[in-house]
Amino acid sequence: MALLAEGMDSIKVKEQTGYSVGLYDINLDIKAGELHCIMGLSGSGKSTLIRHINRLIDPTSGEIWVDTALNRDHTTHTTADRQSVIDNMSTVVEESSAAAINILALNDKELQHYRQQTVSMVFQHFGLVPHMTVIQNVAYGLRVRKMSVNERHETARHWLNEVGLSNLENSYPDELSGGMQQRVGLARALATDNPILLMDEAFSALDPLIRAQLQDQLLELQDRLNKTIVFITHDIDEAVKVGQRISMLNGGRLIQTGRPSELRHNPADDYVEQFMSAKA
């Protein structure tokens, strides 16, 4: 970490030490009800960052704060941690709330509850259970909550209708196209009604036309649901289309955060400028 503090980039750190840098000195503010895009080249730390929010990855140091009050009213105000976060670390902090918790302090039971009640995730490669039907996949998070079969299937049918798959509830994942499978994944994440939605390159494996349709569908749903969405992408056109703000990562470091227009007209460095100029 001393080498990083001296300004050495992640490639040179690996050459000198043999260790890879996931993230370093990340201090990030994600606002309530915001669709926030995380951008960067492959290997820049995007997926590493998002996996800190549900603690699929734990950092070597720092804090990650989330306001659990958003479970009650789905409103949040996320702001950055006040301490410098070192090495493999990101922060999501809820300011001015007695319900804000540092999720790194949760024990196993508390972490399980946090994942079930606060945060959902949509994966790049769908993450569906192959031996379950579509409706069983969508209802899975509610099954974990011990909801009755009738109640969870009713909820699942509602969200399948929302994503345009109401006639496929008894199909299996391998009977669906990639776009349909990702709609199932989105419906599953929405069915739990958690206030935070993490989307890790959720549309990147899809054909351009299907991808554009799902982007439009996500924006339409967001207008009504007002979730706090962290959306990972390496496609600047996608980020500008769906993101209210964009955070740029490079080599595990946060380079700049701002609205698309701010990044376009006032880029922090050549890396950001090149990304923004690549927009079609």
C-alpha atoms as a PDB file:
ATOM      1  CA  MET A   1       0.000   0.000   0.000  1.00  0.00           C
ATOM      2  CA  ALA A   2       2.956   2.279   0.532  1.00  0.00           C
ATOM      3  CA  LEU A   3       3.742   2.014  -3.185  1.00  0.00           C
ATOM      4  CA  LEU A   4       0.178   3.014  -4.061  1.00  0.00           C
ATOM      5  CA  ALA A   5       0.344   5.925  -1.638  1.00  0.00           C
ATOM      6  CA  GLU A   6       3.463   7.093  -3.456  1.00  0.00           C
ATOM      7  CA  GLY A   7       1.476   7.211  -6.692  1.00  0.00           C
ATOM      8  CA  MET A   8       2.630   3.974  -8.331  1.00  0.00           C
ATOM      9  CA  ASP A   9      -0.005   2.543 -10.682  1.00  0.00           C
ATOM     10  CA  SER A  10      -1.505  -0.927 -10.258  1.00  0.00           C
ATOM     11  CA  ILE A  11       0.449  -2.477 -13.152  1.00  0.00           C
ATOM     12  CA  LYS A  12       3.800  -1.446 -11.714  1.00  0.00           C
ATOM     13  CA  VAL A  13       2.736  -2.569  -8.231  1.00  0.00           C
ATOM     14  CA  LYS A  14       2.005  -6.034  -9.577  1.00  0.00           C
ATOM     15  CA  GLU A  15       5.319  -6.142 -11.444  1.00  0.00           C
ATOM     16  CA  GLN A  16       7.219  -5.185  -8.301  1.00  0.00           C
ATOM     17  CA  THR A  17       5.290  -7.157  -5.654  1.00  0.00           C
ATOM     18  CA  GLY A  18       3.374  -9.889  -7.474  1.00  0.00           C
ATOM     19  CA  TYR A  19       0.102  -8.685  -5.929  1.00  0.00           C
ATOM     20  CA  SER A  20      -2.864  -7.322  -7.887  1.00  0.00           C
ATOM     21  CA  VAL A  21      -4.580  -4.136  -6.764  1.00  0.00           C
ATOM     22  CA  GLY A  22      -8.361  -4.415  -6.746  1.00  0.00           C
ATOM     23  CA  LEU A  23      -9.283  -0.903  -5.611  1.00  0.00           C
ATOM     24  CA  TYR A  24      -7.385   1.883  -3.891  1.00  0.00           C
ATOM     25  CA  ASP A  25      -8.489   5.055  -2.134  1.00  0.00           C
ATOM     26  CA  ILE A  26     -12.126   4.853  -3.240  1.00  0.00           C
ATOM     27  CA  ASN A  27     -14.372   7.501  -1.711  1.00  0.00           C
ATOM     28  CA  LEU A  28     -17.747   7.302  -3.421  1.00  0.00           C
ATOM     29  CA  ASP A  29     -21.131   8.942  -2.874  1.00  0.00           C
ATOM     30  CA  ILE A  30     -24.235   7.236  -4.295  1.00  0.00           C
ATOM     31  CA  LYS A  31     -27.468   9.145  -3.819  1.00  0.00           C
ATOM     32  CA  ALA A  32     -30.944   7.933  -2.943  1.00  0.00           C
ATOM     33  CA  GLY A  33     -33.033   6.850  -5.909  1.00  0.00           C
ATOM     34  CA  GLU A  34     -30.116   7.389  -8.266  1.00  0.00           C
ATOM     35  CA  LEU A  35     -29.163   5.247 -11.243  1.00  0.00           C
ATOM     36  CA  HIS A  36     -25.390   5.476 -10.878  1.00  0.00           C
ATOM     37  CA  CYS A  37     -23.117   4.010 -13.536  1.00  0.00           C
ATOM     38  CA  ILE A  38     -19.634   2.683 -12.813  1.00  0.00           C
ATOM     39  CA  MET A  39     -17.471   2.888 -15.946  1.00  0.00           C
ATOM     40  CA  GLY A  40     -14.006   1.734 -16.887  1.00  0.00           C
ATOM     41  CA  LEU A  41     -11.940  -0.591 -19.014  1.00  0.00           C
ATOM     42  CA  SER A  42     -11.741  -4.312 -18.286  1.00  0.00           C
ATOM     43  CA  GLY A  43      -9.725  -4.817 -15.111  1.00  0.00           C
ATOM     44  CA  SER A  44     -10.345  -1.303 -13.804  1.00  0.00           C
ATOM     45  CA  GLY A  45     -12.151  -2.586 -10.692  1.00  0.00           C
ATOM     46  CA  LYS A  46     -15.829  -2.135 -11.619  1.00  0.00           C
ATOM     47  CA  SER A  47     -17.062  -5.575 -10.595  1.00  0.00           C
ATOM     48  CA  THR A  48     -14.774  -5.590  -7.570  1.00  0.00           C
ATOM     49  CA  LEU A  49     -16.357  -2.343  -6.405  1.00  0.00           C
ATOM     50  CA  ILE A  50     -19.975  -3.444  -6.787  1.00  0.00           C
ATOM     51  CA  ARG A  51     -19.278  -6.686  -4.912  1.00  0.00           C
ATOM     52  CA  HIS A  52     -18.270  -4.682  -1.862  1.00  0.00           C
ATOM     53  CA  ILE A  53     -21.808  -3.303  -1.572  1.00  0.00           C
ATOM     54  CA  ASN A  54     -23.260  -6.752  -0.869  1.00  0.00           C
ATOM     55  CA  ARG A  55     -20.011  -8.029   0.677  1.00  0.00           C
ATOM     56  CA  LEU A  56     -19.303 -10.734  -1.846  1.00  0.00           C
ATOM     57  CA  ILE A  57     -15.844  -9.182  -1.445  1.00  0.00           C
ATOM     58  CA  ASP A  58     -14.518  -7.639   1.765  1.00  0.00           C
ATOM     59  CA  PRO A  59     -11.902  -4.870   1.664  1.00  0.00           C
ATOM     60  CA  THR A  60      -8.586  -4.912   3.479  1.00  0.00           C
ATOM     61  CA  SER A  61      -9.503  -1.655   5.217  1.00  0.00           C
ATOM     62  CA  GLY A  62     -12.065   1.118   5.262  1.00  0.00           C
ATOM     63  CA  GLU A  63     -15.809   1.308   5.826  1.00  0.00           C
ATOM     64  CA  ILE A  64     -18.985   0.783   3.777  1.00  0.00           C
ATOM     65  CA  TRP A  65     -22.035   2.576   5.143  1.00  0.00           C
ATOM     66  CA  VAL A  66     -25.645   1.935   4.132  1.00  0.00           C
ATOM     67  CA  ASP A  67     -28.755   3.521   5.572  1.00  0.00           C
ATOM     68  CA  THR A  68     -31.061   0.663   6.549  1.00  0.00           C
ATOM     69  CA  ALA A  69     -33.914   3.168   6.967  1.00  0.00           C
ATOM     70  CA  LEU A  70     -34.355   2.925   3.216  1.00  0.00           C
ATOM     71  CA  ASN A  71     -35.953  -0.483   3.835  1.00  0.00           C
ATOM     72  CA  ARG A  72     -38.886   1.354   5.388  1.00  0.00           C
ATOM     73  CA  ASP A  73     -39.454   4.127   2.879  1.00  0.00           C
ATOM     74  CA  HIS A  74     -37.101   3.468  -0.024  1.00  0.00           C
ATOM     75  CA  THR A  75     -35.446   6.842   0.370  1.00  0.00           C
ATOM     76  CA  THR A  76     -31.738   7.231   0.899  1.00  0.00           C
ATOM     77  CA  HIS A  77     -29.044   9.836   0.807  1.00  0.00           C
ATOM     78  CA  THR A  78     -25.712   8.269   0.107  1.00  0.00           C
ATOM     79  CA  THR A  79     -22.504  10.156   0.655  1.00  0.00           C
ATOM     80  CA  ALA A  80     -18.852   9.355   0.841  1.00  0.00           C
ATOM     81  CA  ASP A  81     -16.981   8.059   3.833  1.00  0.00           C
ATOM     82  CA  ARG A  82     -14.939  10.778   5.517  1.00  0.00           C
ATOM     83  CA  GLN A  83     -11.826   8.649   5.919  1.00  0.00           C
ATOM     84  CA  SER A  84      -9.523   7.684   3.119  1.00  0.00           C
ATOM     85  CA  VAL A  85     -10.246   4.148   2.003  1.00  0.00           C
ATOM     86  CA  ILE A  86      -7.160   2.124   1.249  1.00  0.00           C
ATOM     87  CA  ASP A  87      -6.430  -0.766  -1.109  1.00  0.00           C
ATOM     88  CA  ASN A  88      -9.314  -3.054  -2.119  1.00  0.00           C
ATOM     89  CA  MET A  89     -12.125  -0.831  -0.882  1.00  0.00           C
ATOM     90  CA  SER A  90     -15.226   1.141  -1.818  1.00  0.00           C
ATOM     91  CA  THR A  91     -17.619   3.174   0.299  1.00  0.00           C
ATOM     92  CA  VAL A  92     -21.356   3.685   0.164  1.00  0.00           C
ATOM     93  CA  VAL A  93     -22.437   5.802   3.101  1.00  0.00           C
ATOM     94  CA  GLU A  94     -25.799   7.075   4.266  1.00  0.00           C
ATOM     95  CA  GLU A  95     -25.360  10.501   5.851  1.00  0.00           C
ATOM     96  CA  SER A  96     -27.376  12.079   8.668  1.00  0.00           C
ATOM     97  CA  SER A  97     -29.319   8.968   9.613  1.00  0.00           C
ATOM     98  CA  ALA A  98     -29.374   7.073  12.868  1.00  0.00           C
ATOM     99  CA  ALA A  99     -30.074   3.946  10.834  1.00  0.00           C
ATOM    100  CA  ALA A 100     -26.811   4.105   8.874  1.00  0.00           C
ATOM    101  CA  ILE A 101     -24.686   1.028   9.461  1.00  0.00           C
ATOM    102  CA  ASN A 102     -21.184   0.015   8.486  1.00  0.00           C
ATOM    103  CA  ILE A 103     -21.949  -3.277   6.782  1.00  0.00           C
ATOM    104  CA  LEU A 104     -18.427  -4.532   7.436  1.00  0.00           C
ATOM    105  CA  ALA A 105     -19.419  -4.769  11.113  1.00  0.00           C
ATOM    106  CA  LEU A 106     -22.310  -7.180  10.420  1.00  0.00           C
ATOM    107  CA  ASN A 107     -22.059 -10.730  11.699  1.00  0.00           C
ATOM    108  CA  ASP A 108     -23.116 -13.659   9.517  1.00  0.00           C
ATOM    109  CA  LYS A 109     -26.776 -13.552  10.532  1.00  0.00           C
ATOM    110  CA  GLU A 110     -26.983  -9.786  10.148  1.00  0.00           C
ATOM    111  CA  LEU A 111     -25.270  -9.970   6.768  1.00  0.00           C
ATOM    112  CA  GLN A 112     -27.755 -12.585   5.590  1.00  0.00           C
ATOM    113  CA  HIS A 113     -30.627 -10.317   6.647  1.00  0.00           C
ATOM    114  CA  TYR A 114     -29.019  -7.329   4.920  1.00  0.00           C
ATOM    115  CA  ARG A 115     -28.673  -9.271   1.666  1.00  0.00           C
ATOM    116  CA  GLN A 116     -32.249 -10.527   1.845  1.00  0.00           C
ATOM    117  CA  GLN A 117     -33.889  -7.235   2.754  1.00  0.00           C
ATOM    118  CA  THR A 118     -31.744  -4.420   1.364  1.00  0.00           C
ATOM    119  CA  VAL A 119     -29.772  -5.365  -1.741  1.00  0.00           C
ATOM    120  CA  SER A 120     -30.470  -7.414  -4.887  1.00  0.00           C
ATOM    121  CA  MET A 121     -28.166  -8.218  -7.790  1.00  0.00           C
ATOM    122  CA  VAL A 122     -28.525  -8.859 -11.523  1.00  0.00           C
ATOM    123  CA  PHE A 123     -25.584 -10.753 -13.015  1.00  0.00           C
ATOM    124  CA  GLN A 124     -23.993 -10.529 -16.449  1.00  0.00           C
ATOM    125  CA  HIS A 125     -24.580 -14.201 -17.228  1.00  0.00           C
ATOM    126  CA  PHE A 126     -28.078 -14.330 -15.754  1.00  0.00           C
ATOM    127  CA  GLY A 127     -27.375 -16.598 -12.756  1.00  0.00           C
ATOM    128  CA  LEU A 128     -30.603 -18.562 -13.134  1.00  0.00           C
ATOM    129  CA  VAL A 129     -31.062 -21.979 -11.519  1.00  0.00           C
ATOM    130  CA  PRO A 130     -31.367 -24.376 -14.486  1.00  0.00           C
ATOM    131  CA  HIS A 131     -33.623 -26.981 -12.857  1.00  0.00           C
ATOM    132  CA  MET A 132     -36.135 -24.363 -11.694  1.00  0.00           C
ATOM    133  CA  THR A 133     -38.914 -22.958 -13.858  1.00  0.00           C
ATOM    134  CA  VAL A 134     -39.058 -19.261 -14.658  1.00  0.00           C
ATOM    135  CA  ILE A 135     -41.582 -18.540 -11.909  1.00  0.00           C
ATOM    136  CA  GLN A 136     -39.556 -20.550  -9.383  1.00  0.00           C
ATOM    137  CA  ASN A 137     -36.433 -18.567 -10.285  1.00  0.00           C
ATOM    138  CA  VAL A 138     -38.218 -15.242  -9.893  1.00  0.00           C
ATOM    139  CA  ALA A 139     -39.749 -16.319  -6.587  1.00  0.00           C
ATOM    140  CA  TYR A 140     -36.528 -17.720  -5.150  1.00  0.00           C
ATOM    141  CA  GLY A 141     -35.647 -14.712  -2.988  1.00  0.00           C
ATOM    142  CA  LEU A 142     -39.148 -14.793  -1.501  1.00  0.00           C
ATOM    143  CA  ARG A 143     -38.805 -18.515  -0.841  1.00  0.00           C
ATOM    144  CA  VAL A 144     -35.674 -17.766   1.176  1.00  0.00           C
ATOM    145  CA  ARG A 145     -37.787 -15.339   3.214  1.00  0.00           C
ATOM    146  CA  LYS A 146     -40.196 -18.211   4.015  1.00  0.00           C
ATOM    147  CA  MET A 147     -43.092 -16.636   2.116  1.00  0.00           C
ATOM    148  CA  SER A 148     -45.919 -19.024   1.257  1.00  0.00           C
ATOM    149  CA  VAL A 149     -45.937 -20.610  -2.199  1.00  0.00           C
ATOM    150  CA  ASN A 150     -49.151 -18.862  -3.271  1.00  0.00           C
ATOM    151  CA  GLU A 151     -47.985 -15.457  -2.117  1.00  0.00           C
ATOM    152  CA  ARG A 152     -44.508 -15.649  -3.652  1.00  0.00           C
ATOM    153  CA  HIS A 153     -45.848 -16.977  -6.958  1.00  0.00           C
ATOM    154  CA  GLU A 154     -48.396 -14.156  -7.070  1.00  0.00           C
ATOM    155  CA  THR A 155     -45.572 -11.652  -6.583  1.00  0.00           C
ATOM    156  CA  ALA A 156     -43.421 -13.424  -9.172  1.00  0.00           C
ATOM    157  CA  ARG A 157     -46.241 -13.323 -11.728  1.00  0.00           C
ATOM    158  CA  HIS A 158     -46.593  -9.584 -11.200  1.00  0.00           C
ATOM    159  CA  TRP A 159     -42.914  -8.977 -11.981  1.00  0.00           C
ATOM    160  CA  LEU A 160     -42.891 -11.379 -14.910  1.00  0.00           C
ATOM    161  CA  ASN A 161     -45.740  -9.336 -16.342  1.00  0.00           C
ATOM    162  CA  GLU A 162     -43.761  -6.138 -15.699  1.00  0.00           C
ATOM    163  CA  VAL A 163     -40.824  -7.427 -17.772  1.00  0.00           C
ATOM    164  CA  GLY A 164     -43.045  -8.877 -20.520  1.00  0.00           C
ATOM    165  CA  LEU A 165     -42.746 -12.594 -19.751  1.00  0.00           C
ATOM    166  CA  SER A 166     -46.159 -13.376 -18.322  1.00  0.00           C
ATOM    167  CA  ASN A 167     -46.689 -16.337 -20.657  1.00  0.00           C
ATOM    168  CA  LEU A 168     -43.414 -18.127 -19.862  1.00  0.00           C
ATOM    169  CA  GLU A 169     -43.688 -18.839 -16.139  1.00  0.00           C
ATOM    170  CA  ASN A 170     -43.517 -22.622 -16.598  1.00  0.00           C
ATOM    171  CA  SER A 171     -40.581 -22.597 -19.010  1.00  0.00           C
ATOM    172  CA  TYR A 172     -37.023 -23.467 -18.009  1.00  0.00           C
ATOM    173  CA  PRO A 173     -34.018 -21.154 -18.497  1.00  0.00           C
ATOM    174  CA  ASP A 174     -32.519 -23.202 -21.351  1.00  0.00           C
ATOM    175  CA  GLU A 175     -35.735 -22.732 -23.308  1.00  0.00           C
ATOM    176  CA  LEU A 176     -35.315 -18.941 -23.323  1.00  0.00           C
ATOM    177  CA  SER A 177     -33.208 -16.539 -25.350  1.00  0.00           C
ATOM    178  CA  GLY A 178     -30.479 -14.531 -23.660  1.00  0.00           C
ATOM    179  CA  GLY A 179     -32.680 -11.447 -23.522  1.00  0.00           C
ATOM    180  CA  MET A 180     -35.510 -13.405 -21.956  1.00  0.00           C
ATOM    181  CA  GLN A 181     -33.183 -14.949 -19.389  1.00  0.00           C
ATOM    182  CA  GLN A 182     -31.942 -11.521 -18.371  1.00  0.00           C
ATOM    183  CA  ARG A 183     -35.524 -10.317 -18.005  1.00  0.00           C
ATOM    184  CA  VAL A 184     -36.077 -13.235 -15.637  1.00  0.00           C
ATOM    185  CA  GLY A 185     -32.985 -12.165 -13.708  1.00  0.00           C
ATOM    186  CA  LEU A 186     -34.284  -8.602 -13.504  1.00  0.00           C
ATOM    187  CA  ALA A 187     -37.732  -9.787 -12.383  1.00  0.00           C
ATOM    188  CA  ARG A 188     -36.095 -11.942  -9.681  1.00  0.00           C
ATOM    189  CA  ALA A 189     -34.144  -8.946  -8.369  1.00  0.00           C
ATOM    190  CA  LEU A 190     -37.242  -6.733  -8.349  1.00  0.00           C
ATOM    191  CA  ALA A 191     -39.523  -9.344  -6.763  1.00  0.00           C
ATOM    192  CA  THR A 192     -37.847  -8.977  -3.365  1.00  0.00           C
ATOM    193  CA  ASP A 193     -38.590  -5.225  -3.447  1.00  0.00           C
ATOM    194  CA  ASN A 194     -35.171  -4.400  -2.018  1.00  0.00           C
ATOM    195  CA  PRO A 195     -34.273  -0.706  -2.279  1.00  0.00           C
ATOM    196  CA  ILE A 196     -30.752  -1.214  -3.683  1.00  0.00           C
ATOM    197  CA  LEU A 197     -30.237  -2.943  -7.022  1.00  0.00           C
ATOM    198  CA  LEU A 198     -26.761  -3.925  -8.225  1.00  0.00           C
ATOM    199  CA  MET A 199     -26.386  -4.616 -11.959  1.00  0.00           C
ATOM    200  CA  ASP A 200     -23.024  -6.032 -13.015  1.00  0.00           C
ATOM    201  CA  GLU A 201     -22.671  -5.708 -16.811  1.00  0.00           C
ATOM    202  CA  ALA A 202     -26.255  -6.949 -16.861  1.00  0.00           C
ATOM    203  CA  PHE A 203     -26.881  -6.215 -20.557  1.00  0.00           C
ATOM    204  CA  SER A 204     -23.393  -6.612 -22.014  1.00  0.00           C
ATOM    205  CA  ALA A 205     -23.864 -10.222 -23.200  1.00  0.00           C
ATOM    206  CA  LEU A 206     -26.948  -9.336 -25.253  1.00  0.00           C
ATOM    207  CA  ASP A 207     -27.401  -8.397 -28.896  1.00  0.00           C
ATOM    208  CA  PRO A 208     -27.532  -4.606 -29.501  1.00  0.00           C
ATOM    209  CA  LEU A 209     -31.269  -4.480 -30.253  1.00  0.00           C
ATOM    210  CA  ILE A 210     -32.233  -6.533 -27.186  1.00  0.00           C
ATOM    211  CA  ARG A 211     -29.789  -4.531 -25.106  1.00  0.00           C
ATOM    212  CA  ALA A 212     -31.424  -1.246 -26.157  1.00  0.00           C
ATOM    213  CA  GLN A 213     -34.869  -2.658 -25.361  1.00  0.00           C
ATOM    214  CA  LEU A 214     -33.780  -3.688 -21.869  1.00  0.00           C
ATOM    215  CA  GLN A 215     -32.179  -0.289 -21.261  1.00  0.00           C
ATOM    216  CA  ASP A 216     -35.492   1.351 -22.145  1.00  0.00           C
ATOM    217  CA  GLN A 217     -37.370  -1.081 -19.916  1.00  0.00           C
ATOM    218  CA  LEU A 218     -35.016  -0.422 -17.006  1.00  0.00           C
ATOM    219  CA  LEU A 219     -35.495   3.345 -17.342  1.00  0.00           C
ATOM    220  CA  GLU A 220     -39.273   2.947 -17.484  1.00  0.00           C
ATOM    221  CA  LEU A 221     -39.266   0.766 -14.367  1.00  0.00           C
ATOM    222  CA  GLN A 222     -36.922   3.153 -12.561  1.00  0.00           C
ATOM    223  CA  ASP A 223     -39.247   6.084 -13.243  1.00  0.00           C
ATOM    224  CA  ARG A 224     -41.910   4.236 -11.253  1.00  0.00           C
ATOM    225  CA  LEU A 225     -39.870   2.355  -8.653  1.00  0.00           C
ATOM    226  CA  ASN A 226     -37.191   4.904  -7.723  1.00  0.00           C
ATOM    227  CA  LYS A 227     -34.622   2.282  -6.695  1.00  0.00           C
ATOM    228  CA  THR A 228     -31.021   3.070  -5.885  1.00  0.00           C
ATOM    229  CA  ILE A 229     -29.282   1.323  -8.786  1.00  0.00           C
ATOM    230  CA  VAL A 230     -25.552   0.779  -9.206  1.00  0.00           C
ATOM    231  CA  PHE A 231     -25.030  -0.143 -12.855  1.00  0.00           C
ATOM    232  CA  ILE A 232     -21.699  -1.492 -14.093  1.00  0.00           C
ATOM    233  CA  THR A 233     -20.849  -1.071 -17.772  1.00  0.00           C
ATOM    234  CA  HIS A 234     -17.858  -0.586 -20.067  1.00  0.00           C
ATOM    235  CA  ASP A 235     -20.071   0.966 -22.781  1.00  0.00           C
ATOM    236  CA  ILE A 236     -20.074   4.770 -22.641  1.00  0.00           C
ATOM    237  CA  ASP A 237     -23.219   5.015 -24.788  1.00  0.00           C
ATOM    238  CA  GLU A 238     -25.060   2.806 -22.316  1.00  0.00           C
ATOM    239  CA  ALA A 239     -23.744   4.790 -19.346  1.00  0.00           C
ATOM    240  CA  VAL A 240     -24.823   8.120 -20.854  1.00  0.00           C
ATOM    241  CA  LYS A 241     -28.248   6.716 -21.740  1.00  0.00           C
ATOM    242  CA  VAL A 242     -29.161   5.203 -18.377  1.00  0.00           C
ATOM    243  CA  GLY A 243     -26.927   6.914 -15.819  1.00  0.00           C
ATOM    244  CA  GLN A 244     -27.833  10.046 -13.901  1.00  0.00           C
ATOM    245  CA  ARG A 245     -24.209  10.174 -12.783  1.00  0.00           C
ATOM    246  CA  ILE A 246     -21.139   8.240 -13.895  1.00  0.00           C
ATOM    247  CA  SER A 247     -18.068   7.239 -11.879  1.00  0.00           C
ATOM    248  CA  MET A 248     -14.929   6.500 -13.887  1.00  0.00           C
ATOM    249  CA  LEU A 249     -12.435   3.905 -12.655  1.00  0.00           C
ATOM    250  CA  ASN A 250      -8.923   3.326 -13.967  1.00  0.00           C
ATOM    251  CA  GLY A 251      -6.442   0.876 -12.506  1.00  0.00           C
ATOM    252  CA  GLY A 252      -8.473   0.463  -9.326  1.00  0.00           C
ATOM    253  CA  ARG A 253      -8.703   4.208  -8.658  1.00  0.00           C
ATOM    254  CA  LEU A 254     -11.732   6.476  -8.861  1.00  0.00           C
ATOM    255  CA  ILE A 255     -10.842   9.169 -11.409  1.00  0.00           C
ATOM    256  CA  GLN A 256     -14.009  11.264 -11.631  1.00  0.00           C
ATOM    257  CA  THR A 257     -17.702  11.255 -10.727  1.00  0.00           C
ATOM    258  CA  GLY A 258     -20.300  13.507 -12.293  1.00  0.00           C
ATOM    259  CA  ARG A 259     -23.199  13.901 -14.662  1.00  0.00           C
ATOM    260  CA  PRO A 260     -22.482  12.852 -18.259  1.00  0.00           C
ATOM    261  CA  SER A 261     -22.352  16.493 -19.345  1.00  0.00           C
ATOM    262  CA  GLU A 262     -19.819  17.286 -16.608  1.00  0.00           C
ATOM    263  CA  LEU A 263     -17.543  14.444 -17.659  1.00  0.00           C
ATOM    264  CA  ARG A 264     -17.848  15.457 -21.304  1.00  0.00           C
ATOM    265  CA  HIS A 265     -17.134  19.155 -20.833  1.00  0.00           C
ATOM    266  CA  ASN A 266     -14.789  18.991 -17.829  1.00  0.00           C
ATOM    267  CA  PRO A 267     -12.916  15.668 -17.920  1.00  0.00           C
ATOM    268  CA  ALA A 268     -10.486  15.101 -15.053  1.00  0.00           C
ATOM    269  CA  ASP A 269      -7.800  13.648 -17.327  1.00  0.00           C
ATOM    270  CA  ASP A 270      -7.103  12.239 -20.786  1.00  0.00           C
ATOM    271  CA  TYR A 271      -8.559   8.843 -19.813  1.00  0.00           C
ATOM    272  CA  VAL A 272     -11.980  10.353 -19.075  1.00  0.00           C
ATOM    273  CA  GLU A 273     -11.791  12.584 -22.139  1.00  0.00           C
ATOM    274  CA  GLN A 274     -11.067   9.608 -24.403  1.00  0.00           C
ATOM    275  CA  PHE A 275     -13.994   7.669 -22.960  1.00  0.00           C
ATOM    276  CA  MET A 276     -16.418  10.545 -23.413  1.00  0.00           C
ATOM    277  CA  SER A 277     -15.201  11.347 -26.933  1.00  0.00           C
ATOM    278  CA  ALA A 278     -15.820   7.705 -27.900  1.00  0.00           C
ATOM    279  CA  LYS A 279     -19.567   8.211 -27.478  1.00  0.00           C
ATOM    280  CA  ALA A 280     -21.347   7.638 -30.777  1.00  0.00           C
END
